[in-house]
Protein backbone atom coordinates (compact mmCIF):
# COMPACT_ATOMS: atom_id res chain seq x y z
CA MET A 1 -29.96 -14.25 -26.66
CA LYS A 2 -26.38 -15.51 -26.49
CA LYS A 3 -25.08 -11.93 -26.42
CA LEU A 4 -27.39 -11.09 -23.52
CA VAL A 5 -26.20 -14.10 -21.51
CA LEU A 6 -22.56 -13.33 -22.35
CA SER A 7 -23.05 -9.69 -21.30
CA ALA A 8 -24.68 -10.73 -18.03
CA CYS A 9 -21.82 -13.15 -17.30
CA THR A 10 -19.22 -10.48 -18.06
CA VAL A 11 -20.87 -7.93 -15.79
CA SER A 12 -21.20 -10.54 -13.02
CA ALA A 13 -17.53 -11.50 -13.32
CA LEU A 14 -16.46 -7.86 -13.16
CA LEU A 15 -18.59 -7.21 -10.08
CA LEU A 16 -17.32 -10.31 -8.30
CA SER A 17 -13.67 -9.66 -9.11
CA GLY A 18 -13.97 -6.18 -7.56
CA CYS A 19 -15.29 -7.46 -4.24
CA VAL A 20 -13.57 -6.41 -1.03
CA SER A 21 -13.49 -9.18 1.58
CA GLN A 22 -13.82 -8.59 5.32
CA ASP A 23 -10.23 -9.89 5.68
CA GLN A 24 -8.97 -7.20 3.28
CA ALA A 25 -10.99 -4.55 5.10
CA ASP A 26 -9.65 -5.78 8.46
CA ALA A 27 -6.05 -5.56 7.23
CA LYS A 28 -6.67 -1.98 6.07
CA MET A 29 -8.26 -1.00 9.38
CA ALA A 30 -5.41 -2.61 11.37
CA LYS A 31 -2.94 -0.51 9.38
CA GLY A 32 -4.96 2.63 10.09
CA CYS A 33 -5.27 1.73 13.77
CA ALA A 34 -1.51 1.26 14.11
CA ALA A 35 -0.90 4.65 12.45
CA GLY A 36 -3.36 6.35 14.78
CA LEU A 37 -1.87 4.71 17.85
CA GLY A 38 1.61 5.71 16.72
CA ALA A 39 0.52 9.34 16.37
CA LEU A 40 -1.12 9.36 19.80
CA MET A 41 1.73 7.68 21.68
CA ALA A 42 4.63 9.70 20.22
CA PRO A 43 7.45 9.93 21.25
CA LYS A 44 6.87 6.30 22.26
CA GLU A 45 6.63 3.97 19.28
CA ILE A 46 5.27 0.64 18.18
CA LYS A 47 8.22 -1.71 17.88
CA GLU A 48 6.13 -4.74 16.85
CA VAL A 49 2.49 -5.70 16.34
CA LYS A 50 2.30 -9.11 18.01
CA SER A 51 -1.33 -9.92 17.15
CA GLN A 52 -4.45 -8.47 15.61
CA ASN A 53 -7.97 -9.38 16.68
CA PHE A 54 -11.20 -8.33 14.99
CA SER A 55 -14.75 -8.41 16.32
CA ASN A 56 -18.14 -6.92 15.63
CA GLU A 57 -19.57 -4.58 18.23
CA GLU A 58 -23.11 -3.29 18.42
CA ASN A 59 -23.73 0.18 19.83
CA PRO A 60 -26.58 2.73 19.53
CA GLU A 61 -25.18 3.93 16.18
CA GLY A 62 -25.23 0.42 14.67
CA LEU A 63 -22.81 -2.42 14.01
CA HIS A 64 -19.12 -1.47 14.17
CA ARG A 65 -15.81 -3.32 13.82
CA ARG A 66 -13.36 -3.40 16.75
CA VAL A 67 -9.66 -3.85 15.89
CA THR A 68 -7.51 -4.84 18.86
CA LEU A 69 -3.73 -4.72 18.48
CA ASP A 70 -1.38 -6.40 20.94
CA ILE A 71 1.87 -4.50 20.53
CA LEU A 72 5.37 -4.19 21.86
CA GLN A 73 5.70 -0.51 22.76
CA LYS A 74 9.13 1.10 22.94
CA ASP A 75 9.88 4.11 25.13
CA GLY A 76 13.59 4.77 24.87
CA TRP A 77 15.18 1.60 26.27
CA VAL A 78 12.00 0.30 27.90
CA GLU A 79 9.79 -2.15 26.00
CA THR A 80 6.28 -2.91 27.24
CA ASN A 81 3.52 -5.22 26.02
CA LYS A 82 0.28 -3.29 25.51
CA SER A 83 -3.17 -3.95 24.10
CA TYR A 84 -4.97 -1.06 22.41
CA SER A 85 -8.06 -0.94 20.22
CA CYS A 86 -9.81 1.08 17.55
CA LEU A 87 -13.52 1.08 16.75
CA PHE A 88 -14.55 1.68 13.14
CA ALA A 89 -17.83 2.28 11.36
CA GLN A 90 -17.76 0.54 7.97
CA GLN A 91 -19.43 1.49 4.71
CA TRP A 92 -19.61 -1.03 1.92
CA GLY A 93 -20.18 -0.28 -1.75
CA PHE A 94 -22.69 -2.05 -3.97
CA PHE A 95 -22.03 -5.83 -3.81
CA LYS A 96 -19.02 -5.07 -1.55
CA SER A 97 -17.26 -3.45 -4.49
CA SER A 98 -15.62 -0.94 -2.15
CA HIS A 99 -14.99 -0.39 1.55
CA LYS A 100 -14.57 2.74 3.65
CA ALA A 101 -13.78 2.76 7.35
CA MET A 102 -14.39 5.74 9.61
CA ILE A 103 -12.74 5.87 13.02
CA VAL A 104 -15.17 6.14 15.91
CA GLN A 105 -12.84 5.75 18.88
CA VAL A 106 -9.37 4.70 19.99
CA LYS A 107 -8.78 3.14 23.42
CA MET A 108 -5.31 3.41 24.96
CA ASP A 109 -5.06 2.19 28.56
CA ASP A 110 -7.76 4.17 30.41
CA THR A 111 -7.92 6.96 27.82
CA LEU A 112 -10.58 7.13 25.11
CA TYR A 113 -10.13 9.27 22.00
CA GLY A 114 -13.11 9.84 19.75
CA LYS A 115 -16.81 9.29 20.25
CA LYS A 116 -18.55 7.84 23.29
CA ASP A 117 -22.34 7.85 23.53
CA GLY A 118 -22.51 10.01 20.38
CA GLN A 119 -20.25 12.76 21.78
CA ILE A 120 -16.59 13.41 20.90
CA THR A 121 -14.35 13.18 23.95
CA GLY A 122 -11.44 15.58 23.97
CA SER A 123 -11.04 18.29 21.37
CA PHE A 124 -12.59 18.13 17.93
CA GLU A 125 -9.30 19.31 16.38
CA ASP A 126 -7.39 16.38 17.91
CA PHE A 127 -10.02 13.94 16.64
CA LEU A 128 -9.83 15.49 13.17
CA LYS A 129 -6.01 15.15 13.13
CA LEU A 130 -6.30 11.53 14.26
CA THR A 131 -8.83 10.85 11.51
CA GLU A 132 -6.52 12.38 8.88
CA VAL A 133 -3.54 10.24 9.98
CA MET A 134 -5.62 7.07 9.97
CA ASP A 135 -7.30 7.80 6.62
CA ALA A 136 -3.91 8.43 5.03
CA ALA A 137 -2.56 5.11 6.35
CA MET A 138 -5.64 3.31 4.99
CA ALA A 139 -5.29 5.15 1.64
CA GLN A 140 -8.85 6.47 1.60
């Protein structure tokens, strides 16, 4: 009986120690969002991320996570404050043991890259390249 209880405690401790928190997932998605924005705005660049905001957003495909980055954008000598956002679908592993984020859309000024109302805006190839850049930054 003691071995059974000890085994159950060990398994529980291992599962809990492998948990991914929403804060950790948010940090990963913010990194991916910044990489995607950087790829889309080139040759302009992100000089500084001033703030990061995270919120849940419900749409017809389910609950998603919106990452909004307030940045200082540099274009040659000109620096401009901008606010851009990325919308992610999240997948969690058993007992939050893992986290995967899939980009749904990126909003830059009045331009939307990615999916809107279930349809990809722009070219599929551009969306695929954006996804690859963001996945690499998030190490997934």
